[in-house]
Amino acid sequence: MSRFHARLGTLRQLEILLAVHRTGSVTGASKQLFLTQPTVSMQLKKLSDAVGAPLYDQVGRKLVFTQAGEEVVKSTREIMGCFEQLDMKLADLKGLKSGTLRLAVVTTAKYFIPHLLGDFLKHYPDIDVDFKVGNRQQIIDWMENGEDDFYVFSHPPKNRELDLQDFMPNPLVAIAPQDHPLAGLDQVPLQQFAEQPFLMREEGSGTRDAIEKQFEDLAIQPNVRMVIESNEAIKHAVMSGLGVSILSSHTLAFGGSSGLVQLDVEQLPIVTRWYLASLKGKKLSVVARTFMDYVAKNSSIDSLDELNT
């Protein structure tokens, strides 16, 4: 048997290494783990000495992991994953469901996923949730590490091997301030709507991708006035009369719609679906399988009203 494990370092050192890799800095890791920066640096130095090679280089203010460092990080994730799997399996044998569910969701999903989690955690109160939010491109980037159990998209990447579970509609609707000239009109032509000052989500947003595809398919060019990086900021900009936009109806139902009106526009809403995605071939934990089964039982949800009941 290899004796490498005897000199590799402690589990705490490996945990610190993952935190530094995840946050990109010693400062970020120290805050995340409630340790002092000197303690983090000292433990990483010991781990580096045990490995016999530098784990990362300091390039300006940025940490760049070496090939050896990336290999240690990769193996550490597998080691920590084994411990988590064992913990969950032992709890399952005792008739319990405990452990951590790791979810990474696109920004729009943050409005309704907590409602799904609320009922789920009533059934399994011993389960913890690691909940991350980012735009579509950030979620795709996080997939590289493979640390999360599931990723929630309305537009999953086509160049990744994923297991997808369709569980809920995601209609994208036209919005305007309540006193807008188009408010209250029936069947506003999409061209007329597109001529209004338009507020667009940022590059990398799934909502933006869907909007651009819809306009492109219909050979219509929106009059983009501003690019804004969050649904909330877009809603407030629309309320302030800066323009119109297209957002998921979930941002209105769960995030508030005061001062806004939904317009009746031809070729809208853009109908998309929400997907629970997992990396194909990745073994799901007991907790992850439990959540997937829960979502499958609720996959017939067809409206926001059903989700709220």
C-alpha atoms as a PDB file:
ATOM      1  CA  MET A   1       0.000   0.000   0.000  1.00  0.00           C
ATOM      2  CA  SER A   2       1.245   3.491  -0.833  1.00  0.00           C
ATOM      3  CA  ARG A   3       2.528   5.430   2.173  1.00  0.00           C
ATOM      4  CA  PHE A   4       1.959   8.757   0.439  1.00  0.00           C
ATOM      5  CA  HIS A   5      -1.140   9.409   2.543  1.00  0.00           C
ATOM      6  CA  ALA A   6       0.993   9.319   5.695  1.00  0.00           C
ATOM      7  CA  ARG A   7       2.902  12.426   4.632  1.00  0.00           C
ATOM      8  CA  LEU A   8       0.309  14.186   2.507  1.00  0.00           C
ATOM      9  CA  GLY A   9      -1.015  16.329   5.345  1.00  0.00           C
ATOM     10  CA  THR A  10      -4.062  16.563   7.517  1.00  0.00           C
ATOM     11  CA  LEU A  11      -7.660  16.680   6.366  1.00  0.00           C
ATOM     12  CA  ARG A  12      -7.799  20.211   7.757  1.00  0.00           C
ATOM     13  CA  GLN A  13      -4.966  21.239   5.430  1.00  0.00           C
ATOM     14  CA  LEU A  14      -6.814  19.740   2.495  1.00  0.00           C
ATOM     15  CA  GLU A  15      -9.992  21.558   3.530  1.00  0.00           C
ATOM     16  CA  ILE A  16      -8.019  24.827   3.648  1.00  0.00           C
ATOM     17  CA  LEU A  17      -6.595  24.130   0.197  1.00  0.00           C
ATOM     18  CA  LEU A  18     -10.091  23.691  -1.252  1.00  0.00           C
ATOM     19  CA  ALA A  19     -11.230  26.952   0.345  1.00  0.00           C
ATOM     20  CA  VAL A  20      -8.268  28.847  -1.156  1.00  0.00           C
ATOM     21  CA  HIS A  21      -8.963  27.312  -4.580  1.00  0.00           C
ATOM     22  CA  ARG A  22     -12.675  28.102  -4.311  1.00  0.00           C
ATOM     23  CA  THR A  23     -12.281  31.716  -3.168  1.00  0.00           C
ATOM     24  CA  GLY A  24      -9.131  32.472  -5.129  1.00  0.00           C
ATOM     25  CA  SER A  25      -7.272  33.973  -2.179  1.00  0.00           C
ATOM     26  CA  VAL A  26      -5.853  33.298   1.283  1.00  0.00           C
ATOM     27  CA  THR A  27      -7.974  36.173   2.592  1.00  0.00           C
ATOM     28  CA  GLY A  28     -11.172  34.677   1.193  1.00  0.00           C
ATOM     29  CA  ALA A  29     -10.355  31.245   2.603  1.00  0.00           C
ATOM     30  CA  SER A  30      -9.556  32.644   6.051  1.00  0.00           C
ATOM     31  CA  LYS A  31     -12.915  34.443   6.170  1.00  0.00           C
ATOM     32  CA  GLN A  32     -14.786  31.383   4.945  1.00  0.00           C
ATOM     33  CA  LEU A  33     -13.140  29.078   7.504  1.00  0.00           C
ATOM     34  CA  PHE A  34     -12.958  31.628  10.371  1.00  0.00           C
ATOM     35  CA  LEU A  35      -9.169  31.307  10.562  1.00  0.00           C
ATOM     36  CA  THR A  36      -6.451  33.935  10.600  1.00  0.00           C
ATOM     37  CA  GLN A  37      -4.518  34.540   7.382  1.00  0.00           C
ATOM     38  CA  PRO A  38      -1.196  33.480   8.970  1.00  0.00           C
ATOM     39  CA  THR A  39      -2.785  30.187  10.031  1.00  0.00           C
ATOM     40  CA  VAL A  40      -4.043  29.520   6.496  1.00  0.00           C
ATOM     41  CA  SER A  41      -0.654  30.394   4.978  1.00  0.00           C
ATOM     42  CA  MET A  42       1.216  28.228   7.483  1.00  0.00           C
ATOM     43  CA  GLN A  43      -1.002  25.181   6.860  1.00  0.00           C
ATOM     44  CA  LEU A  44      -0.658  25.560   3.102  1.00  0.00           C
ATOM     45  CA  LYS A  45       3.131  25.799   3.485  1.00  0.00           C
ATOM     46  CA  LYS A  46       3.116  22.525   5.426  1.00  0.00           C
ATOM     47  CA  LEU A  47       0.939  20.891   2.774  1.00  0.00           C
ATOM     48  CA  SER A  48       3.203  22.152  -0.002  1.00  0.00           C
ATOM     49  CA  ASP A  49       6.238  20.763   1.819  1.00  0.00           C
ATOM     50  CA  ALA A  50       4.495  17.394   2.188  1.00  0.00           C
ATOM     51  CA  VAL A  51       3.637  17.313  -1.508  1.00  0.00           C
ATOM     52  CA  GLY A  52       7.167  18.341  -2.405  1.00  0.00           C
ATOM     53  CA  ALA A  53       6.097  20.981  -4.932  1.00  0.00           C
ATOM     54  CA  PRO A  54       4.532  24.463  -4.930  1.00  0.00           C
ATOM     55  CA  LEU A  55       0.741  24.369  -4.971  1.00  0.00           C
ATOM     56  CA  TYR A  56       0.251  27.836  -6.445  1.00  0.00           C
ATOM     57  CA  ASP A  57       2.124  30.947  -7.534  1.00  0.00           C
ATOM     58  CA  GLN A  58       1.347  34.523  -6.555  1.00  0.00           C
ATOM     59  CA  VAL A  59       0.944  36.537  -9.773  1.00  0.00           C
ATOM     60  CA  GLY A  60       0.254  40.104  -8.722  1.00  0.00           C
ATOM     61  CA  ARG A  61      -2.792  39.863  -6.503  1.00  0.00           C
ATOM     62  CA  LYS A  62      -3.966  36.635  -8.106  1.00  0.00           C
ATOM     63  CA  LEU A  63      -3.240  33.054  -7.078  1.00  0.00           C
ATOM     64  CA  VAL A  64      -2.462  30.756  -9.997  1.00  0.00           C
ATOM     65  CA  PHE A  65      -2.479  27.068  -9.088  1.00  0.00           C
ATOM     66  CA  THR A  66       0.348  24.925 -10.416  1.00  0.00           C
ATOM     67  CA  GLN A  67      -0.270  21.592 -12.150  1.00  0.00           C
ATOM     68  CA  ALA A  68       0.662  19.840  -8.903  1.00  0.00           C
ATOM     69  CA  GLY A  69      -1.733  22.086  -7.006  1.00  0.00           C
ATOM     70  CA  GLU A  70      -4.592  21.344  -9.397  1.00  0.00           C
ATOM     71  CA  GLU A  71      -3.967  17.609  -9.065  1.00  0.00           C
ATOM     72  CA  VAL A  72      -4.029  17.838  -5.259  1.00  0.00           C
ATOM     73  CA  VAL A  73      -7.252  19.883  -5.430  1.00  0.00           C
ATOM     74  CA  LYS A  74      -8.857  17.313  -7.739  1.00  0.00           C
ATOM     75  CA  SER A  75      -7.946  14.412  -5.457  1.00  0.00           C
ATOM     76  CA  THR A  76      -8.975  16.362  -2.362  1.00  0.00           C
ATOM     77  CA  ARG A  77     -12.459  16.868  -3.799  1.00  0.00           C
ATOM     78  CA  GLU A  78     -12.713  13.116  -4.318  1.00  0.00           C
ATOM     79  CA  ILE A  79     -11.485  12.434  -0.766  1.00  0.00           C
ATOM     80  CA  MET A  80     -13.921  14.889   0.806  1.00  0.00           C
ATOM     81  CA  GLY A  81     -16.692  13.548  -1.404  1.00  0.00           C
ATOM     82  CA  CYS A  82     -16.050  10.032  -0.099  1.00  0.00           C
ATOM     83  CA  PHE A  83     -16.386  11.218   3.483  1.00  0.00           C
ATOM     84  CA  GLU A  84     -19.654  12.995   2.659  1.00  0.00           C
ATOM     85  CA  GLN A  85     -20.995   9.928   0.864  1.00  0.00           C
ATOM     86  CA  LEU A  86     -20.104   7.720   3.843  1.00  0.00           C
ATOM     87  CA  ASP A  87     -21.776  10.100   6.274  1.00  0.00           C
ATOM     88  CA  MET A  88     -24.961  10.164   4.195  1.00  0.00           C
ATOM     89  CA  LYS A  89     -25.020   6.396   3.725  1.00  0.00           C
ATOM     90  CA  LEU A  90     -24.628   5.776   7.462  1.00  0.00           C
ATOM     91  CA  ALA A  91     -27.433   8.224   8.179  1.00  0.00           C
ATOM     92  CA  ASP A  92     -29.580   6.500   5.550  1.00  0.00           C
ATOM     93  CA  LEU A  93     -28.991   3.124   7.211  1.00  0.00           C
ATOM     94  CA  LYS A  94     -30.315   4.630  10.432  1.00  0.00           C
ATOM     95  CA  GLY A  95     -33.475   5.707   8.663  1.00  0.00           C
ATOM     96  CA  LEU A  96     -32.365   9.330   8.562  1.00  0.00           C
ATOM     97  CA  LYS A  97     -31.715  11.682   5.682  1.00  0.00           C
ATOM     98  CA  SER A  98     -28.870  14.054   6.491  1.00  0.00           C
ATOM     99  CA  GLY A  99     -25.984  15.662   4.689  1.00  0.00           C
ATOM    100  CA  THR A 100     -25.559  18.593   2.332  1.00  0.00           C
ATOM    101  CA  LEU A 101     -27.409  19.294  -0.901  1.00  0.00           C
ATOM    102  CA  ARG A 102     -25.311  21.473  -3.223  1.00  0.00           C
ATOM    103  CA  LEU A 103     -27.299  23.601  -5.656  1.00  0.00           C
ATOM    104  CA  ALA A 104     -26.047  26.171  -8.148  1.00  0.00           C
ATOM    105  CA  VAL A 105     -28.856  28.152  -9.786  1.00  0.00           C
ATOM    106  CA  VAL A 106     -29.116  30.939 -12.345  1.00  0.00           C
ATOM    107  CA  THR A 107     -30.197  34.306 -10.969  1.00  0.00           C
ATOM    108  CA  THR A 108     -33.840  34.055 -12.049  1.00  0.00           C
ATOM    109  CA  ALA A 109     -34.227  30.678 -10.313  1.00  0.00           C
ATOM    110  CA  LYS A 110     -33.368  32.248  -6.949  1.00  0.00           C
ATOM    111  CA  TYR A 111     -36.935  33.574  -6.845  1.00  0.00           C
ATOM    112  CA  PHE A 112     -38.659  30.201  -6.748  1.00  0.00           C
ATOM    113  CA  ILE A 113     -36.109  27.505  -5.821  1.00  0.00           C
ATOM    114  CA  PRO A 114     -36.320  28.529  -2.119  1.00  0.00           C
ATOM    115  CA  HIS A 115     -40.052  27.736  -2.287  1.00  0.00           C
ATOM    116  CA  LEU A 116     -39.254  24.222  -3.535  1.00  0.00           C
ATOM    117  CA  LEU A 117     -36.577  23.838  -0.874  1.00  0.00           C
ATOM    118  CA  GLY A 118     -38.930  25.011   1.883  1.00  0.00           C
ATOM    119  CA  ASP A 119     -41.290  22.064   1.490  1.00  0.00           C
ATOM    120  CA  PHE A 120     -38.429  19.639   0.801  1.00  0.00           C
ATOM    121  CA  LEU A 121     -36.681  20.591   4.050  1.00  0.00           C
ATOM    122  CA  LYS A 122     -39.924  20.195   6.017  1.00  0.00           C
ATOM    123  CA  HIS A 123     -39.747  16.526   5.060  1.00  0.00           C
ATOM    124  CA  TYR A 124     -35.977  16.273   5.637  1.00  0.00           C
ATOM    125  CA  PRO A 125     -35.041  18.806   8.341  1.00  0.00           C
ATOM    126  CA  ASP A 126     -31.553  17.312   8.872  1.00  0.00           C
ATOM    127  CA  ILE A 127     -30.424  18.160   5.346  1.00  0.00           C
ATOM    128  CA  ASP A 128     -28.295  21.281   4.865  1.00  0.00           C
ATOM    129  CA  VAL A 129     -28.213  23.252   1.623  1.00  0.00           C
ATOM    130  CA  ASP A 130     -25.233  24.918  -0.046  1.00  0.00           C
ATOM    131  CA  PHE A 131     -26.965  27.435  -2.332  1.00  0.00           C
ATOM    132  CA  LYS A 132     -25.039  29.381  -4.996  1.00  0.00           C
ATOM    133  CA  VAL A 133     -26.447  31.939  -7.432  1.00  0.00           C
ATOM    134  CA  GLY A 134     -24.869  33.213 -10.657  1.00  0.00           C
ATOM    135  CA  ASN A 135     -25.692  33.998 -14.249  1.00  0.00           C
ATOM    136  CA  ARG A 136     -25.760  31.245 -16.841  1.00  0.00           C
ATOM    137  CA  GLN A 137     -22.096  31.563 -17.778  1.00  0.00           C
ATOM    138  CA  GLN A 138     -20.993  31.493 -14.143  1.00  0.00           C
ATOM    139  CA  ILE A 139     -22.956  28.286 -13.584  1.00  0.00           C
ATOM    140  CA  ILE A 140     -21.298  26.725 -16.631  1.00  0.00           C
ATOM    141  CA  ASP A 141     -17.894  27.761 -15.266  1.00  0.00           C
ATOM    142  CA  TRP A 142     -18.723  26.204 -11.876  1.00  0.00           C
ATOM    143  CA  MET A 143     -19.461  22.943 -13.650  1.00  0.00           C
ATOM    144  CA  GLU A 144     -15.735  22.621 -14.336  1.00  0.00           C
ATOM    145  CA  ASN A 145     -15.143  21.858 -10.655  1.00  0.00           C
ATOM    146  CA  GLY A 146     -18.082  19.450 -10.447  1.00  0.00           C
ATOM    147  CA  GLU A 147     -18.586  20.247  -6.756  1.00  0.00           C
ATOM    148  CA  ASP A 148     -22.345  20.793  -6.970  1.00  0.00           C
ATOM    149  CA  ASP A 149     -25.044  18.132  -7.083  1.00  0.00           C
ATOM    150  CA  PHE A 150     -27.382  20.033  -9.393  1.00  0.00           C
ATOM    151  CA  TYR A 151     -27.484  23.096 -11.609  1.00  0.00           C
ATOM    152  CA  VAL A 152     -30.784  24.838 -12.354  1.00  0.00           C
ATOM    153  CA  PHE A 153     -31.095  26.316 -15.866  1.00  0.00           C
ATOM    154  CA  SER A 154     -33.773  27.362 -18.278  1.00  0.00           C
ATOM    155  CA  HIS A 155     -31.199  27.109 -21.100  1.00  0.00           C
ATOM    156  CA  PRO A 156     -28.772  24.239 -20.345  1.00  0.00           C
ATOM    157  CA  PRO A 157     -25.505  24.300 -22.323  1.00  0.00           C
ATOM    158  CA  LYS A 158     -25.615  21.979 -25.324  1.00  0.00           C
ATOM    159  CA  ASN A 159     -21.894  21.234 -25.304  1.00  0.00           C
ATOM    160  CA  ARG A 160     -21.969  19.480 -21.920  1.00  0.00           C
ATOM    161  CA  GLU A 161     -22.992  15.924 -21.126  1.00  0.00           C
ATOM    162  CA  LEU A 162     -25.811  16.440 -18.655  1.00  0.00           C
ATOM    163  CA  ASP A 163     -28.731  14.506 -17.225  1.00  0.00           C
ATOM    164  CA  LEU A 164     -31.704  16.866 -17.458  1.00  0.00           C
ATOM    165  CA  GLN A 165     -34.990  16.814 -15.607  1.00  0.00           C
ATOM    166  CA  ASP A 166     -37.633  19.219 -16.930  1.00  0.00           C
ATOM    167  CA  PHE A 167     -39.790  20.301 -14.019  1.00  0.00           C
ATOM    168  CA  MET A 168     -41.485  23.678 -14.545  1.00  0.00           C
ATOM    169  CA  PRO A 169     -42.346  26.312 -17.195  1.00  0.00           C
ATOM    170  CA  ASN A 170     -40.424  29.585 -17.366  1.00  0.00           C
ATOM    171  CA  PRO A 171     -42.399  32.134 -19.416  1.00  0.00           C
ATOM    172  CA  LEU A 172     -40.532  35.333 -20.326  1.00  0.00           C
ATOM    173  CA  VAL A 173     -42.944  38.275 -20.409  1.00  0.00           C
ATOM    174  CA  ALA A 174     -42.871  41.897 -21.551  1.00  0.00           C
ATOM    175  CA  ILE A 175     -42.916  44.541 -18.796  1.00  0.00           C
ATOM    176  CA  ALA A 176     -43.254  48.321 -18.726  1.00  0.00           C
ATOM    177  CA  PRO A 177     -43.985  51.057 -16.162  1.00  0.00           C
ATOM    178  CA  GLN A 178     -47.659  51.307 -15.217  1.00  0.00           C
ATOM    179  CA  ASP A 179     -48.140  54.604 -17.078  1.00  0.00           C
ATOM    180  CA  HIS A 180     -46.513  53.430 -20.321  1.00  0.00           C
ATOM    181  CA  PRO A 181     -48.485  54.240 -23.546  1.00  0.00           C
ATOM    182  CA  LEU A 182     -48.593  50.518 -24.446  1.00  0.00           C
ATOM    183  CA  ALA A 183     -50.086  49.513 -21.079  1.00  0.00           C
ATOM    184  CA  GLY A 184     -53.618  48.134 -21.413  1.00  0.00           C
ATOM    185  CA  LEU A 185     -53.458  47.676 -25.185  1.00  0.00           C
ATOM    186  CA  ASP A 186     -54.279  44.307 -26.735  1.00  0.00           C
ATOM    187  CA  GLN A 187     -51.878  42.436 -29.021  1.00  0.00           C
ATOM    188  CA  VAL A 188     -49.158  45.054 -29.347  1.00  0.00           C
ATOM    189  CA  PRO A 189     -47.000  44.185 -32.408  1.00  0.00           C
ATOM    190  CA  LEU A 190     -43.582  42.914 -31.356  1.00  0.00           C
ATOM    191  CA  GLN A 191     -41.937  45.394 -33.745  1.00  0.00           C
ATOM    192  CA  GLN A 192     -43.677  48.291 -31.983  1.00  0.00           C
ATOM    193  CA  PHE A 193     -42.589  46.940 -28.592  1.00  0.00           C
ATOM    194  CA  ALA A 194     -39.011  46.484 -29.816  1.00  0.00           C
ATOM    195  CA  GLU A 195     -38.850  50.126 -30.914  1.00  0.00           C
ATOM    196  CA  GLN A 196     -39.234  51.248 -27.287  1.00  0.00           C
ATOM    197  CA  PRO A 197     -36.021  51.900 -25.294  1.00  0.00           C
ATOM    198  CA  PHE A 198     -35.143  48.340 -24.264  1.00  0.00           C
ATOM    199  CA  LEU A 199     -33.315  47.209 -21.117  1.00  0.00           C
ATOM    200  CA  MET A 200     -31.306  44.035 -21.765  1.00  0.00           C
ATOM    201  CA  ARG A 201     -29.675  41.518 -19.410  1.00  0.00           C
ATOM    202  CA  GLU A 202     -25.901  41.090 -19.553  1.00  0.00           C
ATOM    203  CA  GLU A 203     -23.854  38.738 -21.733  1.00  0.00           C
ATOM    204  CA  GLY A 204     -23.941  35.224 -20.308  1.00  0.00           C
ATOM    205  CA  SER A 205     -27.559  35.513 -19.136  1.00  0.00           C
ATOM    206  CA  GLY A 206     -29.924  32.748 -20.246  1.00  0.00           C
ATOM    207  CA  THR A 207     -32.769  35.266 -20.387  1.00  0.00           C
ATOM    208  CA  ARG A 208     -30.750  37.393 -22.791  1.00  0.00           C
ATOM    209  CA  ASP A 209     -29.975  34.362 -24.972  1.00  0.00           C
ATOM    210  CA  ALA A 210     -33.679  33.532 -25.256  1.00  0.00           C
ATOM    211  CA  ILE A 211     -34.640  37.140 -26.044  1.00  0.00           C
ATOM    212  CA  GLU A 212     -31.963  37.520 -28.709  1.00  0.00           C
ATOM    213  CA  LYS A 213     -32.974  34.234 -30.339  1.00  0.00           C
ATOM    214  CA  GLN A 214     -36.655  35.281 -30.427  1.00  0.00           C
ATOM    215  CA  PHE A 215     -35.879  38.643 -32.024  1.00  0.00           C
ATOM    216  CA  GLU A 216     -33.389  37.089 -34.443  1.00  0.00           C
ATOM    217  CA  ASP A 217     -35.859  34.414 -35.561  1.00  0.00           C
ATOM    218  CA  LEU A 218     -38.414  37.148 -36.298  1.00  0.00           C
ATOM    219  CA  ALA A 219     -35.837  39.468 -37.939  1.00  0.00           C
ATOM    220  CA  ILE A 220     -36.506  42.219 -35.398  1.00  0.00           C
ATOM    221  CA  GLN A 221     -33.807  44.433 -33.867  1.00  0.00           C
ATOM    222  CA  PRO A 222     -34.586  45.695 -30.339  1.00  0.00           C
ATOM    223  CA  ASN A 223     -33.727  49.292 -29.481  1.00  0.00           C
ATOM    224  CA  VAL A 224     -31.305  48.441 -26.654  1.00  0.00           C
ATOM    225  CA  ARG A 225     -30.828  51.446 -24.396  1.00  0.00           C
ATOM    226  CA  MET A 226     -28.999  49.852 -21.475  1.00  0.00           C
ATOM    227  CA  VAL A 227     -27.430  46.540 -20.470  1.00  0.00           C
ATOM    228  CA  ILE A 228     -28.119  45.714 -16.820  1.00  0.00           C
ATOM    229  CA  GLU A 229     -26.716  42.815 -14.777  1.00  0.00           C
ATOM    230  CA  SER A 230     -29.624  41.866 -12.530  1.00  0.00           C
ATOM    231  CA  ASN A 231     -33.371  41.307 -12.683  1.00  0.00           C
ATOM    232  CA  GLU A 232     -33.940  43.597  -9.705  1.00  0.00           C
ATOM    233  CA  ALA A 233     -31.993  46.440 -11.285  1.00  0.00           C
ATOM    234  CA  ILE A 234     -33.947  46.004 -14.527  1.00  0.00           C
ATOM    235  CA  LYS A 235     -37.265  46.124 -12.674  1.00  0.00           C
ATOM    236  CA  HIS A 236     -36.311  49.341 -10.897  1.00  0.00           C
ATOM    237  CA  ALA A 237     -35.039  50.862 -14.147  1.00  0.00           C
ATOM    238  CA  VAL A 238     -38.361  50.010 -15.826  1.00  0.00           C
ATOM    239  CA  MET A 239     -40.287  51.489 -12.865  1.00  0.00           C
ATOM    240  CA  SER A 240     -38.237  54.671 -13.278  1.00  0.00           C
ATOM    241  CA  GLY A 241     -39.318  54.996 -16.907  1.00  0.00           C
ATOM    242  CA  LEU A 242     -35.944  54.174 -18.457  1.00  0.00           C
ATOM    243  CA  GLY A 243     -37.442  51.644 -20.840  1.00  0.00           C
ATOM    244  CA  VAL A 244     -39.231  48.327 -21.275  1.00  0.00           C
ATOM    245  CA  SER A 245     -37.859  44.815 -20.896  1.00  0.00           C
ATOM    246  CA  ILE A 246     -38.554  41.085 -21.010  1.00  0.00           C
ATOM    247  CA  LEU A 247     -38.093  39.076 -17.802  1.00  0.00           C
ATOM    248  CA  SER A 248     -39.184  35.746 -16.375  1.00  0.00           C
ATOM    249  CA  SER A 249     -42.642  35.914 -14.836  1.00  0.00           C
ATOM    250  CA  HIS A 250     -41.054  34.407 -11.710  1.00  0.00           C
ATOM    251  CA  THR A 251     -39.196  37.658 -11.051  1.00  0.00           C
ATOM    252  CA  LEU A 252     -42.590  39.374 -10.836  1.00  0.00           C
ATOM    253  CA  ALA A 253     -44.503  36.689  -8.933  1.00  0.00           C
ATOM    254  CA  PHE A 254     -41.858  36.111  -6.266  1.00  0.00           C
ATOM    255  CA  GLY A 255     -39.670  39.206  -6.531  1.00  0.00           C
ATOM    256  CA  GLY A 256     -42.445  41.815  -6.569  1.00  0.00           C
ATOM    257  CA  SER A 257     -44.091  43.751  -9.388  1.00  0.00           C
ATOM    258  CA  SER A 258     -45.101  47.051  -7.774  1.00  0.00           C
ATOM    259  CA  GLY A 259     -44.975  49.872 -10.313  1.00  0.00           C
ATOM    260  CA  LEU A 260     -44.839  47.476 -13.258  1.00  0.00           C
ATOM    261  CA  VAL A 261     -47.363  46.192 -15.777  1.00  0.00           C
ATOM    262  CA  GLN A 262     -47.171  43.132 -18.005  1.00  0.00           C
ATOM    263  CA  LEU A 263     -47.804  44.018 -21.646  1.00  0.00           C
ATOM    264  CA  ASP A 264     -49.849  41.995 -24.113  1.00  0.00           C
ATOM    265  CA  VAL A 265     -47.345  41.654 -26.965  1.00  0.00           C
ATOM    266  CA  GLU A 266     -47.588  39.445 -30.043  1.00  0.00           C
ATOM    267  CA  GLN A 267     -45.123  36.508 -30.139  1.00  0.00           C
ATOM    268  CA  LEU A 268     -44.771  36.791 -26.355  1.00  0.00           C
ATOM    269  CA  PRO A 269     -44.332  35.315 -23.831  1.00  0.00           C
ATOM    270  CA  ILE A 270     -41.238  33.379 -24.828  1.00  0.00           C
ATOM    271  CA  VAL A 271     -41.951  29.908 -23.460  1.00  0.00           C
ATOM    272  CA  THR A 272     -38.994  28.107 -21.925  1.00  0.00           C
ATOM    273  CA  ARG A 273     -38.678  25.419 -19.241  1.00  0.00           C
ATOM    274  CA  TRP A 274     -36.701  24.974 -16.050  1.00  0.00           C
ATOM    275  CA  TYR A 275     -34.286  22.047 -15.851  1.00  0.00           C
ATOM    276  CA  LEU A 276     -32.554  20.313 -12.980  1.00  0.00           C
ATOM    277  CA  ALA A 277     -29.174  19.371 -14.456  1.00  0.00           C
ATOM    278  CA  SER A 278     -26.477  17.046 -13.153  1.00  0.00           C
ATOM    279  CA  LEU A 279     -23.185  15.978 -14.693  1.00  0.00           C
ATOM    280  CA  LYS A 280     -23.654  12.759 -16.640  1.00  0.00           C
ATOM    281  CA  GLY A 281     -21.773   9.929 -14.995  1.00  0.00           C
ATOM    282  CA  LYS A 282     -21.403  11.650 -11.631  1.00  0.00           C
ATOM    283  CA  LYS A 283     -22.591   9.440  -8.794  1.00  0.00           C
ATOM    284  CA  LEU A 284     -25.358  11.168  -6.871  1.00  0.00           C
ATOM    285  CA  SER A 285     -25.283  11.202  -3.087  1.00  0.00           C
ATOM    286  CA  VAL A 286     -28.166   9.883  -0.999  1.00  0.00           C
ATOM    287  CA  VAL A 287     -29.279  13.474  -0.368  1.00  0.00           C
ATOM    288  CA  ALA A 288     -29.031  14.404  -4.052  1.00  0.00           C
ATOM    289  CA  ARG A 289     -31.100  11.380  -5.091  1.00  0.00           C
ATOM    290  CA  THR A 290     -33.670  12.243  -2.448  1.00  0.00           C
ATOM    291  CA  PHE A 291     -33.995  15.795  -3.813  1.00  0.00           C
ATOM    292  CA  MET A 292     -34.165  14.542  -7.408  1.00  0.00           C
ATOM    293  CA  ASP A 293     -37.009  12.171  -6.457  1.00  0.00           C
ATOM    294  CA  TYR A 294     -38.799  15.045  -4.744  1.00  0.00           C
ATOM    295  CA  VAL A 295     -38.509  17.240  -7.842  1.00  0.00           C
ATOM    296  CA  ALA A 296     -39.684  14.356 -10.043  1.00  0.00           C
ATOM    297  CA  LYS A 297     -42.831  13.990  -7.918  1.00  0.00           C
ATOM    298  CA  ASN A 298     -43.477  17.714  -8.367  1.00  0.00           C
ATOM    299  CA  SER A 299     -42.538  17.850 -12.056  1.00  0.00           C
ATOM    300  CA  SER A 300     -46.190  18.246 -13.036  1.00  0.00           C
ATOM    301  CA  ILE A 301     -46.158  21.819 -11.674  1.00  0.00           C
ATOM    302  CA  ASP A 302     -47.543  24.018 -14.428  1.00  0.00           C
ATOM    303  CA  SER A 303     -48.111  27.304 -12.667  1.00  0.00           C
ATOM    304  CA  LEU A 304     -46.741  29.597 -10.024  1.00  0.00           C
ATOM    305  CA  ASP A 305     -49.954  29.212  -8.046  1.00  0.00           C
ATOM    306  CA  GLU A 306     -49.302  25.477  -7.653  1.00  0.00           C
ATOM    307  CA  LEU A 307     -45.790  26.189  -6.413  1.00  0.00           C
ATOM    308  CA  ASN A 308     -47.122  28.543  -3.767  1.00  0.00           C
ATOM    309  CA  THR A 309     -49.690  26.056  -2.434  1.00  0.00           C
END
